[in-house]
Amino acid sequence: MSSQFMHDFIIDEHIKNALKEDIGFGDITTDCIVDNDETMTAKLNTRQDGILCGIDIVERVFKILCDDIRIEKYYKDGDEIKKGDTLAVINGSARAILTGERTALNYIQRLSGIATETNKYQKAIGNCKARITDTRKTTPNFRMFEKYAVATGGARLHRFNLSDCVMIKDNHIQFAGSITKAVEKIRLNLSHTHKIEVECDTFEQVKEALTAGADIIMLDNMDIETMKKSAELINNKAIIEASGNVTLDNISQIAQTGVDVISSSAIVAKAKTLDIALDM
């Protein structure tokens, strides 16, 4: 299941650690009830509408436990799924299927929930040019998967970690003395391959960030009128990001101000797991 940043060997390592955590010294329930050579057939069914994400990860969970398991998939990541749909049929070792069930569901339920929530936000933007994007408010050691789910839901991706992009926030500005001084200090050592983003709370800060040559200007917790005024001033001289208190109710209004991206932690942090089950 390779994507632009999710490679099979990284996924397998993560899954193996998840299985170690869940299995411990053995699945004593399954191992006592099920003989080693017994087989079974199970269906992966969704009990809610949503956007599917993680179907290939489910396959890897079971294949790691038993390479002979066969999985027939009827949907792929990014597909819309409806309550009652059978997503896949799994055949093979009963021990492997029963032991890996919870780990497989943990991945697909969480990722499908994020993809579904992300898709709601992107659709709410309507025909505006803006795209929803994520933040670094992710589950520790699960960011790669959550970002994959965000992308599957139709969003852009923000920086993966602190080394991806400069983001000058209010505390950095306070330490440096001003936006101008912060940008000047950073440019002394910054690689030419990195962009500089400045978080602005006021219109005056936007003017300063633009003059300092910021590549990306974040309009943080601004009212709609100030966003419009800022977008008109920037006028394609920098990428415009809106952030803070973004909801499904106001995202369309924010998008209409002319911003390029709208960042929100809600698409990950507040996403509910999608109800998907493994049924015999």
C-alpha atoms as a PDB file:
ATOM      1  CA  MET A   1       0.000   0.000   0.000  1.00  0.00           C
ATOM      2  CA  SER A   2       2.528   2.629  -1.017  1.00  0.00           C
ATOM      3  CA  SER A   3       1.409   6.241  -1.248  1.00  0.00           C
ATOM      4  CA  GLN A   4       3.549   9.337  -1.714  1.00  0.00           C
ATOM      5  CA  PHE A   5       4.739   9.058   1.904  1.00  0.00           C
ATOM      6  CA  MET A   6       3.406   5.719   3.208  1.00  0.00           C
ATOM      7  CA  HIS A   7       5.736   2.910   2.204  1.00  0.00           C
ATOM      8  CA  ASP A   8       5.028  -0.756   2.847  1.00  0.00           C
ATOM      9  CA  PHE A   9       8.026  -1.408   5.103  1.00  0.00           C
ATOM     10  CA  ILE A  10       7.065   1.532   7.365  1.00  0.00           C
ATOM     11  CA  ILE A  11       3.445   0.398   7.520  1.00  0.00           C
ATOM     12  CA  ASP A  12       4.439  -3.187   8.325  1.00  0.00           C
ATOM     13  CA  GLU A  13       6.716  -2.067  11.147  1.00  0.00           C
ATOM     14  CA  HIS A  14       3.920   0.006  12.671  1.00  0.00           C
ATOM     15  CA  ILE A  15       1.415  -2.850  12.373  1.00  0.00           C
ATOM     16  CA  LYS A  16       3.824  -5.334  13.955  1.00  0.00           C
ATOM     17  CA  ASN A  17       4.271  -3.042  16.955  1.00  0.00           C
ATOM     18  CA  ALA A  18       0.490  -2.653  17.228  1.00  0.00           C
ATOM     19  CA  LEU A  19       0.051  -6.433  17.129  1.00  0.00           C
ATOM     20  CA  LYS A  20       2.764  -6.920  19.767  1.00  0.00           C
ATOM     21  CA  GLU A  21       0.927  -4.475  22.016  1.00  0.00           C
ATOM     22  CA  ASP A  22      -2.417  -6.246  21.578  1.00  0.00           C
ATOM     23  CA  ILE A  23      -1.373  -9.901  21.531  1.00  0.00           C
ATOM     24  CA  GLY A  24       1.172  -9.812  24.341  1.00  0.00           C
ATOM     25  CA  PHE A  25       2.242 -13.388  25.056  1.00  0.00           C
ATOM     26  CA  GLY A  26      -0.593 -14.916  23.027  1.00  0.00           C
ATOM     27  CA  ASP A  27      -4.320 -14.778  22.324  1.00  0.00           C
ATOM     28  CA  ILE A  28      -5.297 -17.184  25.076  1.00  0.00           C
ATOM     29  CA  THR A  29      -9.020 -17.084  24.219  1.00  0.00           C
ATOM     30  CA  THR A  30      -8.660 -17.882  20.522  1.00  0.00           C
ATOM     31  CA  ASP A  31      -5.795 -20.337  20.995  1.00  0.00           C
ATOM     32  CA  CYS A  32      -7.840 -22.377  23.498  1.00  0.00           C
ATOM     33  CA  ILE A  33     -10.989 -22.489  21.360  1.00  0.00           C
ATOM     34  CA  VAL A  34      -9.678 -22.677  17.781  1.00  0.00           C
ATOM     35  CA  ASP A  35      -7.425 -25.403  16.424  1.00  0.00           C
ATOM     36  CA  ASN A  36      -4.362 -24.280  14.500  1.00  0.00           C
ATOM     37  CA  ASP A  37      -5.585 -25.702  11.173  1.00  0.00           C
ATOM     38  CA  GLU A  38      -9.171 -24.396  11.300  1.00  0.00           C
ATOM     39  CA  THR A  39     -10.307 -21.820   8.756  1.00  0.00           C
ATOM     40  CA  MET A  40     -13.117 -19.308   8.577  1.00  0.00           C
ATOM     41  CA  THR A  41     -14.738 -16.704   6.339  1.00  0.00           C
ATOM     42  CA  ALA A  42     -15.499 -13.202   7.602  1.00  0.00           C
ATOM     43  CA  LYS A  43     -17.025 -10.107   6.040  1.00  0.00           C
ATOM     44  CA  LEU A  44     -15.855  -6.558   6.659  1.00  0.00           C
ATOM     45  CA  ASN A  45     -19.090  -4.552   6.811  1.00  0.00           C
ATOM     46  CA  THR A  46     -19.760  -0.873   7.374  1.00  0.00           C
ATOM     47  CA  ARG A  47     -22.583   0.226   9.643  1.00  0.00           C
ATOM     48  CA  GLN A  48     -22.295   3.887   8.686  1.00  0.00           C
ATOM     49  CA  ASP A  49     -21.992   6.021   5.566  1.00  0.00           C
ATOM     50  CA  GLY A  50     -18.590   7.584   5.029  1.00  0.00           C
ATOM     51  CA  ILE A  51     -15.303   7.691   3.132  1.00  0.00           C
ATOM     52  CA  LEU A  52     -13.258   4.497   3.252  1.00  0.00           C
ATOM     53  CA  CYS A  53      -9.638   4.649   4.387  1.00  0.00           C
ATOM     54  CA  GLY A  54      -7.358   1.851   5.544  1.00  0.00           C
ATOM     55  CA  ILE A  55      -8.613  -1.151   3.583  1.00  0.00           C
ATOM     56  CA  ASP A  56      -5.075  -2.074   2.495  1.00  0.00           C
ATOM     57  CA  ILE A  57      -3.845  -1.741   6.080  1.00  0.00           C
ATOM     58  CA  VAL A  58      -6.481  -4.264   7.140  1.00  0.00           C
ATOM     59  CA  GLU A  59      -5.080  -6.657   4.541  1.00  0.00           C
ATOM     60  CA  ARG A  60      -1.534  -6.168   5.836  1.00  0.00           C
ATOM     61  CA  VAL A  61      -2.621  -6.902   9.434  1.00  0.00           C
ATOM     62  CA  PHE A  62      -3.964 -10.303   8.473  1.00  0.00           C
ATOM     63  CA  LYS A  63      -1.184 -11.092   5.999  1.00  0.00           C
ATOM     64  CA  ILE A  64       1.441 -10.419   8.660  1.00  0.00           C
ATOM     65  CA  LEU A  65      -0.296 -12.924  10.951  1.00  0.00           C
ATOM     66  CA  CYS A  66      -0.785 -15.496   8.191  1.00  0.00           C
ATOM     67  CA  ASP A  67       0.458 -15.067   4.660  1.00  0.00           C
ATOM     68  CA  ASP A  68      -2.070 -17.607   3.341  1.00  0.00           C
ATOM     69  CA  ILE A  69      -5.089 -15.457   4.202  1.00  0.00           C
ATOM     70  CA  ARG A  70      -7.036 -14.335   1.125  1.00  0.00           C
ATOM     71  CA  ILE A  71      -8.852 -10.992   1.013  1.00  0.00           C
ATOM     72  CA  GLU A  72     -11.280  -9.965  -1.703  1.00  0.00           C
ATOM     73  CA  LYS A  73     -11.725  -6.181  -1.567  1.00  0.00           C
ATOM     74  CA  TYR A  74     -14.793  -4.548  -3.095  1.00  0.00           C
ATOM     75  CA  TYR A  75     -13.846  -0.923  -2.372  1.00  0.00           C
ATOM     76  CA  LYS A  76     -10.644   1.121  -2.328  1.00  0.00           C
ATOM     77  CA  ASP A  77      -9.491   3.990  -0.139  1.00  0.00           C
ATOM     78  CA  GLY A  78     -11.291   7.218  -1.002  1.00  0.00           C
ATOM     79  CA  ASP A  79     -14.514   5.494  -2.083  1.00  0.00           C
ATOM     80  CA  GLU A  80     -17.844   6.557  -0.631  1.00  0.00           C
ATOM     81  CA  ILE A  81     -19.376   3.709   1.342  1.00  0.00           C
ATOM     82  CA  LYS A  82     -22.939   3.277   2.560  1.00  0.00           C
ATOM     83  CA  LYS A  83     -24.360   1.630   5.666  1.00  0.00           C
ATOM     84  CA  GLY A  84     -24.674  -2.116   5.042  1.00  0.00           C
ATOM     85  CA  ASP A  85     -21.978  -2.315   2.365  1.00  0.00           C
ATOM     86  CA  THR A  86     -19.614  -5.297   2.456  1.00  0.00           C
ATOM     87  CA  LEU A  87     -16.157  -3.840   1.997  1.00  0.00           C
ATOM     88  CA  ALA A  88     -14.196  -7.098   1.804  1.00  0.00           C
ATOM     89  CA  VAL A  89     -14.393 -10.831   2.392  1.00  0.00           C
ATOM     90  CA  ILE A  90     -11.576 -12.514   4.312  1.00  0.00           C
ATOM     91  CA  ASN A  91     -10.802 -16.227   4.103  1.00  0.00           C
ATOM     92  CA  GLY A  92      -8.166 -18.288   5.879  1.00  0.00           C
ATOM     93  CA  SER A  93      -6.741 -19.109   9.282  1.00  0.00           C
ATOM     94  CA  ALA A  94      -9.408 -18.667  11.953  1.00  0.00           C
ATOM     95  CA  ARG A  95      -6.754 -17.989  14.576  1.00  0.00           C
ATOM     96  CA  ALA A  96      -5.166 -15.213  12.543  1.00  0.00           C
ATOM     97  CA  ILE A  97      -8.486 -13.566  11.683  1.00  0.00           C
ATOM     98  CA  LEU A  98      -9.814 -13.636  15.249  1.00  0.00           C
ATOM     99  CA  THR A  99      -6.498 -12.502  16.736  1.00  0.00           C
ATOM    100  CA  GLY A 100      -5.995  -9.653  14.271  1.00  0.00           C
ATOM    101  CA  GLU A 101      -9.609  -8.458  14.191  1.00  0.00           C
ATOM    102  CA  ARG A 102      -9.345  -5.660  16.755  1.00  0.00           C
ATOM    103  CA  THR A 103      -6.062  -4.266  15.460  1.00  0.00           C
ATOM    104  CA  ALA A 104      -7.357  -4.241  11.886  1.00  0.00           C
ATOM    105  CA  LEU A 105     -10.582  -2.510  12.925  1.00  0.00           C
ATOM    106  CA  ASN A 106      -8.717   0.061  15.023  1.00  0.00           C
ATOM    107  CA  TYR A 107      -6.842   1.199  11.926  1.00  0.00           C
ATOM    108  CA  ILE A 108      -9.732   1.250   9.457  1.00  0.00           C
ATOM    109  CA  GLN A 109     -12.303   2.756  11.838  1.00  0.00           C
ATOM    110  CA  ARG A 110     -10.012   5.606  12.902  1.00  0.00           C
ATOM    111  CA  LEU A 111      -8.734   6.400   9.422  1.00  0.00           C
ATOM    112  CA  SER A 112     -12.161   6.194   7.781  1.00  0.00           C
ATOM    113  CA  GLY A 113     -13.530   8.504  10.475  1.00  0.00           C
ATOM    114  CA  ILE A 114     -10.858  11.115   9.712  1.00  0.00           C
ATOM    115  CA  ALA A 115     -11.322  10.793   5.942  1.00  0.00           C
ATOM    116  CA  THR A 116     -15.078  11.173   6.383  1.00  0.00           C
ATOM    117  CA  GLU A 117     -14.792  14.286   8.589  1.00  0.00           C
ATOM    118  CA  THR A 118     -12.200  15.837   6.264  1.00  0.00           C
ATOM    119  CA  ASN A 119     -14.452  15.285   3.272  1.00  0.00           C
ATOM    120  CA  LYS A 120     -17.327  17.073   5.025  1.00  0.00           C
ATOM    121  CA  TYR A 121     -15.152  20.161   5.550  1.00  0.00           C
ATOM    122  CA  GLN A 122     -13.843  20.178   1.980  1.00  0.00           C
ATOM    123  CA  LYS A 123     -17.360  19.841   0.548  1.00  0.00           C
ATOM    124  CA  ALA A 124     -18.572  22.664   2.804  1.00  0.00           C
ATOM    125  CA  ILE A 125     -16.048  25.011   1.148  1.00  0.00           C
ATOM    126  CA  GLY A 126     -18.018  24.751  -2.075  1.00  0.00           C
ATOM    127  CA  ASN A 127     -16.620  26.193  -5.299  1.00  0.00           C
ATOM    128  CA  CYS A 128     -14.022  28.472  -3.698  1.00  0.00           C
ATOM    129  CA  LYS A 129     -10.334  27.862  -4.436  1.00  0.00           C
ATOM    130  CA  ALA A 130      -9.488  27.172  -0.778  1.00  0.00           C
ATOM    131  CA  ARG A 131      -8.578  23.704   0.437  1.00  0.00           C
ATOM    132  CA  ILE A 132      -8.885  22.354   3.948  1.00  0.00           C
ATOM    133  CA  THR A 133      -5.614  21.275   5.553  1.00  0.00           C
ATOM    134  CA  ASP A 134      -4.576  19.582   8.774  1.00  0.00           C
ATOM    135  CA  THR A 135      -2.343  20.643  11.682  1.00  0.00           C
ATOM    136  CA  ARG A 136       0.270  19.013  13.939  1.00  0.00           C
ATOM    137  CA  LYS A 137      -2.424  18.196  16.503  1.00  0.00           C
ATOM    138  CA  THR A 138      -2.204  14.478  15.833  1.00  0.00           C
ATOM    139  CA  THR A 139      -1.948  11.279  17.855  1.00  0.00           C
ATOM    140  CA  PRO A 140       1.690  10.625  18.847  1.00  0.00           C
ATOM    141  CA  ASN A 141       3.312   7.983  16.602  1.00  0.00           C
ATOM    142  CA  PHE A 142       0.195   7.887  14.417  1.00  0.00           C
ATOM    143  CA  ARG A 143       0.676  11.109  12.427  1.00  0.00           C
ATOM    144  CA  MET A 144       1.648   9.382   9.184  1.00  0.00           C
ATOM    145  CA  PHE A 145      -1.602   7.414   9.145  1.00  0.00           C
ATOM    146  CA  GLU A 146      -3.764  10.358  10.161  1.00  0.00           C
ATOM    147  CA  LYS A 147      -2.240  12.526   7.448  1.00  0.00           C
ATOM    148  CA  TYR A 148      -2.860   9.758   4.931  1.00  0.00           C
ATOM    149  CA  ALA A 149      -6.522   9.759   6.009  1.00  0.00           C
ATOM    150  CA  VAL A 150      -6.690  13.552   5.642  1.00  0.00           C
ATOM    151  CA  ALA A 151      -5.330  13.298   2.097  1.00  0.00           C
ATOM    152  CA  THR A 152      -7.756  10.463   1.332  1.00  0.00           C
ATOM    153  CA  GLY A 153     -10.604  12.710   2.456  1.00  0.00           C
ATOM    154  CA  GLY A 154      -9.638  15.269  -0.188  1.00  0.00           C
ATOM    155  CA  ALA A 155      -7.552  17.784   1.773  1.00  0.00           C
ATOM    156  CA  ARG A 156      -4.114  19.322   1.391  1.00  0.00           C
ATOM    157  CA  LEU A 157      -1.429  18.391   3.914  1.00  0.00           C
ATOM    158  CA  HIS A 158       0.302  20.870   6.201  1.00  0.00           C
ATOM    159  CA  ARG A 159       3.882  20.319   7.408  1.00  0.00           C
ATOM    160  CA  PHE A 160       4.692  16.823   8.665  1.00  0.00           C
ATOM    161  CA  ASN A 161       7.030  17.994  11.417  1.00  0.00           C
ATOM    162  CA  LEU A 162       9.008  20.964  12.703  1.00  0.00           C
ATOM    163  CA  SER A 163      11.782  20.522  10.122  1.00  0.00           C
ATOM    164  CA  ASP A 164       9.465  20.837   7.111  1.00  0.00           C
ATOM    165  CA  CYS A 165       8.731  24.533   7.174  1.00  0.00           C
ATOM    166  CA  VAL A 166       9.409  27.633   9.259  1.00  0.00           C
ATOM    167  CA  MET A 167       6.347  28.752  11.198  1.00  0.00           C
ATOM    168  CA  ILE A 168       6.875  31.936  13.210  1.00  0.00           C
ATOM    169  CA  LYS A 169       4.250  32.026  15.954  1.00  0.00           C
ATOM    170  CA  ASP A 170       3.432  34.648  18.588  1.00  0.00           C
ATOM    171  CA  ASN A 171       5.980  33.338  21.102  1.00  0.00           C
ATOM    172  CA  HIS A 172       8.725  33.387  18.460  1.00  0.00           C
ATOM    173  CA  ILE A 173       7.825  36.974  17.574  1.00  0.00           C
ATOM    174  CA  GLN A 174       7.980  37.972  21.232  1.00  0.00           C
ATOM    175  CA  PHE A 175      11.417  36.404  21.645  1.00  0.00           C
ATOM    176  CA  ALA A 176      12.773  37.988  18.458  1.00  0.00           C
ATOM    177  CA  GLY A 177      11.265  41.402  19.142  1.00  0.00           C
ATOM    178  CA  SER A 178       9.211  41.681  15.957  1.00  0.00           C
ATOM    179  CA  ILE A 179       8.128  39.789  12.856  1.00  0.00           C
ATOM    180  CA  THR A 180      10.800  41.576  10.826  1.00  0.00           C
ATOM    181  CA  LYS A 181      13.580  40.613  13.228  1.00  0.00           C
ATOM    182  CA  ALA A 182      12.350  37.008  13.411  1.00  0.00           C
ATOM    183  CA  VAL A 183      12.388  36.667   9.607  1.00  0.00           C
ATOM    184  CA  GLU A 184      15.818  38.289   9.375  1.00  0.00           C
ATOM    185  CA  LYS A 185      17.303  35.885  11.952  1.00  0.00           C
ATOM    186  CA  ILE A 186      15.834  32.867  10.215  1.00  0.00           C
ATOM    187  CA  ARG A 187      17.062  33.886   6.765  1.00  0.00           C
ATOM    188  CA  LEU A 188      20.648  33.924   8.049  1.00  0.00           C
ATOM    189  CA  ASN A 189      20.724  30.119   8.286  1.00  0.00           C
ATOM    190  CA  LEU A 190      17.650  28.825   6.481  1.00  0.00           C
ATOM    191  CA  SER A 191      18.017  26.460   3.532  1.00  0.00           C
ATOM    192  CA  HIS A 192      16.740  27.762   0.217  1.00  0.00           C
ATOM    193  CA  THR A 193      14.420  24.744   0.098  1.00  0.00           C
ATOM    194  CA  HIS A 194      12.299  25.866   3.059  1.00  0.00           C
ATOM    195  CA  LYS A 195       9.434  28.337   3.116  1.00  0.00           C
ATOM    196  CA  ILE A 196       8.706  30.835   5.877  1.00  0.00           C
ATOM    197  CA  GLU A 197       5.223  31.119   7.355  1.00  0.00           C
ATOM    198  CA  VAL A 198       4.224  33.859   9.790  1.00  0.00           C
ATOM    199  CA  GLU A 199       1.225  33.662  12.114  1.00  0.00           C
ATOM    200  CA  CYS A 200      -0.573  37.024  12.220  1.00  0.00           C
ATOM    201  CA  ASP A 201      -3.271  38.095  14.650  1.00  0.00           C
ATOM    202  CA  THR A 202      -3.802  41.625  13.307  1.00  0.00           C
ATOM    203  CA  PHE A 203      -3.875  43.514  10.013  1.00  0.00           C
ATOM    204  CA  GLU A 204      -0.761  45.426  11.066  1.00  0.00           C
ATOM    205  CA  GLN A 205       1.119  42.136  11.500  1.00  0.00           C
ATOM    206  CA  VAL A 206      -0.024  41.046   8.038  1.00  0.00           C
ATOM    207  CA  LYS A 207       1.479  44.224   6.543  1.00  0.00           C
ATOM    208  CA  GLU A 208       4.748  43.606   8.412  1.00  0.00           C
ATOM    209  CA  ALA A 209       4.929  39.935   7.391  1.00  0.00           C
ATOM    210  CA  LEU A 210       4.310  40.849   3.750  1.00  0.00           C
ATOM    211  CA  THR A 211       7.022  43.516   3.812  1.00  0.00           C
ATOM    212  CA  ALA A 212       9.432  41.062   5.481  1.00  0.00           C
ATOM    213  CA  GLY A 213       8.945  38.653   2.566  1.00  0.00           C
ATOM    214  CA  ALA A 214       7.002  35.820   4.216  1.00  0.00           C
ATOM    215  CA  ASP A 215       6.097  33.006   1.827  1.00  0.00           C
ATOM    216  CA  ILE A 216       2.954  32.061   3.737  1.00  0.00           C
ATOM    217  CA  ILE A 217       0.856  34.340   5.940  1.00  0.00           C
ATOM    218  CA  MET A 218      -1.501  32.780   8.448  1.00  0.00           C
ATOM    219  CA  LEU A 219      -4.582  34.788   9.412  1.00  0.00           C
ATOM    220  CA  ASP A 220      -5.070  33.512  12.939  1.00  0.00           C
ATOM    221  CA  ASN A 221      -8.463  33.893  14.635  1.00  0.00           C
ATOM    222  CA  MET A 222      -9.364  36.924  12.527  1.00  0.00           C
ATOM    223  CA  ASP A 223     -12.887  38.119  11.844  1.00  0.00           C
ATOM    224  CA  ILE A 224     -14.220  37.829   8.299  1.00  0.00           C
ATOM    225  CA  GLU A 225     -13.788  41.506   7.428  1.00  0.00           C
ATOM    226  CA  THR A 226     -10.133  41.538   8.524  1.00  0.00           C
ATOM    227  CA  MET A 227      -9.519  38.356   6.501  1.00  0.00           C
ATOM    228  CA  LYS A 228     -10.978  40.005   3.386  1.00  0.00           C
ATOM    229  CA  LYS A 229      -8.901  43.137   3.934  1.00  0.00           C
ATOM    230  CA  SER A 230      -5.752  41.044   4.455  1.00  0.00           C
ATOM    231  CA  ALA A 231      -6.373  38.916   1.359  1.00  0.00           C
ATOM    232  CA  GLU A 232      -6.793  42.054  -0.756  1.00  0.00           C
ATOM    233  CA  LEU A 233      -3.521  43.464   0.604  1.00  0.00           C
ATOM    234  CA  ILE A 234      -1.547  40.247   0.062  1.00  0.00           C
ATOM    235  CA  ASN A 235      -2.972  39.889  -3.467  1.00  0.00           C
ATOM    236  CA  ASN A 236      -1.099  36.671  -4.416  1.00  0.00           C
ATOM    237  CA  LYS A 237       2.240  37.935  -3.062  1.00  0.00           C
ATOM    238  CA  ALA A 238       2.133  35.104  -0.491  1.00  0.00           C
ATOM    239  CA  ILE A 239       0.082  31.999   0.219  1.00  0.00           C
ATOM    240  CA  ILE A 240      -2.783  32.885   2.565  1.00  0.00           C
ATOM    241  CA  GLU A 241      -3.765  30.462   5.317  1.00  0.00           C
ATOM    242  CA  ALA A 242      -6.757  30.963   7.600  1.00  0.00           C
ATOM    243  CA  SER A 243      -6.814  29.250  10.974  1.00  0.00           C
ATOM    244  CA  GLY A 244      -8.633  29.279  14.294  1.00  0.00           C
ATOM    245  CA  ASN A 245     -12.201  28.350  15.271  1.00  0.00           C
ATOM    246  CA  VAL A 246     -12.955  26.783  11.890  1.00  0.00           C
ATOM    247  CA  THR A 247     -16.266  24.889  11.851  1.00  0.00           C
ATOM    248  CA  LEU A 248     -18.547  23.318   9.259  1.00  0.00           C
ATOM    249  CA  ASP A 249     -20.876  26.274   9.771  1.00  0.00           C
ATOM    250  CA  ASN A 250     -18.348  29.023   9.011  1.00  0.00           C
ATOM    251  CA  ILE A 251     -15.817  27.431   6.660  1.00  0.00           C
ATOM    252  CA  SER A 252     -17.673  28.518   3.510  1.00  0.00           C
ATOM    253  CA  GLN A 253     -17.677  32.135   4.699  1.00  0.00           C
ATOM    254  CA  ILE A 254     -13.948  31.916   5.473  1.00  0.00           C
ATOM    255  CA  ALA A 255     -13.232  30.445   2.037  1.00  0.00           C
ATOM    256  CA  GLN A 256     -15.061  33.319   0.346  1.00  0.00           C
ATOM    257  CA  THR A 257     -12.559  35.841   1.771  1.00  0.00           C
ATOM    258  CA  GLY A 258     -10.015  34.701  -0.824  1.00  0.00           C
ATOM    259  CA  VAL A 259      -7.683  32.575   1.315  1.00  0.00           C
ATOM    260  CA  ASP A 260      -5.780  29.688  -0.261  1.00  0.00           C
ATOM    261  CA  VAL A 261      -5.887  27.129   2.551  1.00  0.00           C
ATOM    262  CA  ILE A 262      -7.886  26.728   5.752  1.00  0.00           C
ATOM    263  CA  SER A 263      -6.225  24.763   8.524  1.00  0.00           C
ATOM    264  CA  SER A 264      -8.191  22.982  11.220  1.00  0.00           C
ATOM    265  CA  SER A 265      -7.312  20.448  13.887  1.00  0.00           C
ATOM    266  CA  ALA A 266     -10.962  19.359  14.032  1.00  0.00           C
ATOM    267  CA  ILE A 267     -10.716  17.095  10.977  1.00  0.00           C
ATOM    268  CA  VAL A 268      -8.387  14.848  12.988  1.00  0.00           C
ATOM    269  CA  ALA A 269      -8.841  15.662  16.669  1.00  0.00           C
ATOM    270  CA  LYS A 270     -12.645  15.702  16.605  1.00  0.00           C
ATOM    271  CA  ALA A 271     -13.260  13.025  14.005  1.00  0.00           C
ATOM    272  CA  LYS A 272     -15.350  10.103  15.248  1.00  0.00           C
ATOM    273  CA  THR A 273     -14.431   6.558  14.333  1.00  0.00           C
ATOM    274  CA  LEU A 274     -16.540   5.071  11.559  1.00  0.00           C
ATOM    275  CA  ASP A 275     -18.521   2.017  12.659  1.00  0.00           C
ATOM    276  CA  ILE A 276     -17.050  -0.886  10.697  1.00  0.00           C
ATOM    277  CA  ALA A 277     -17.321  -4.498  11.863  1.00  0.00           C
ATOM    278  CA  LEU A 278     -15.895  -7.917  11.041  1.00  0.00           C
ATOM    279  CA  ASP A 279     -18.744 -10.432  10.889  1.00  0.00           C
ATOM    280  CA  MET A 280     -18.640 -14.198  10.468  1.00  0.00           C
END
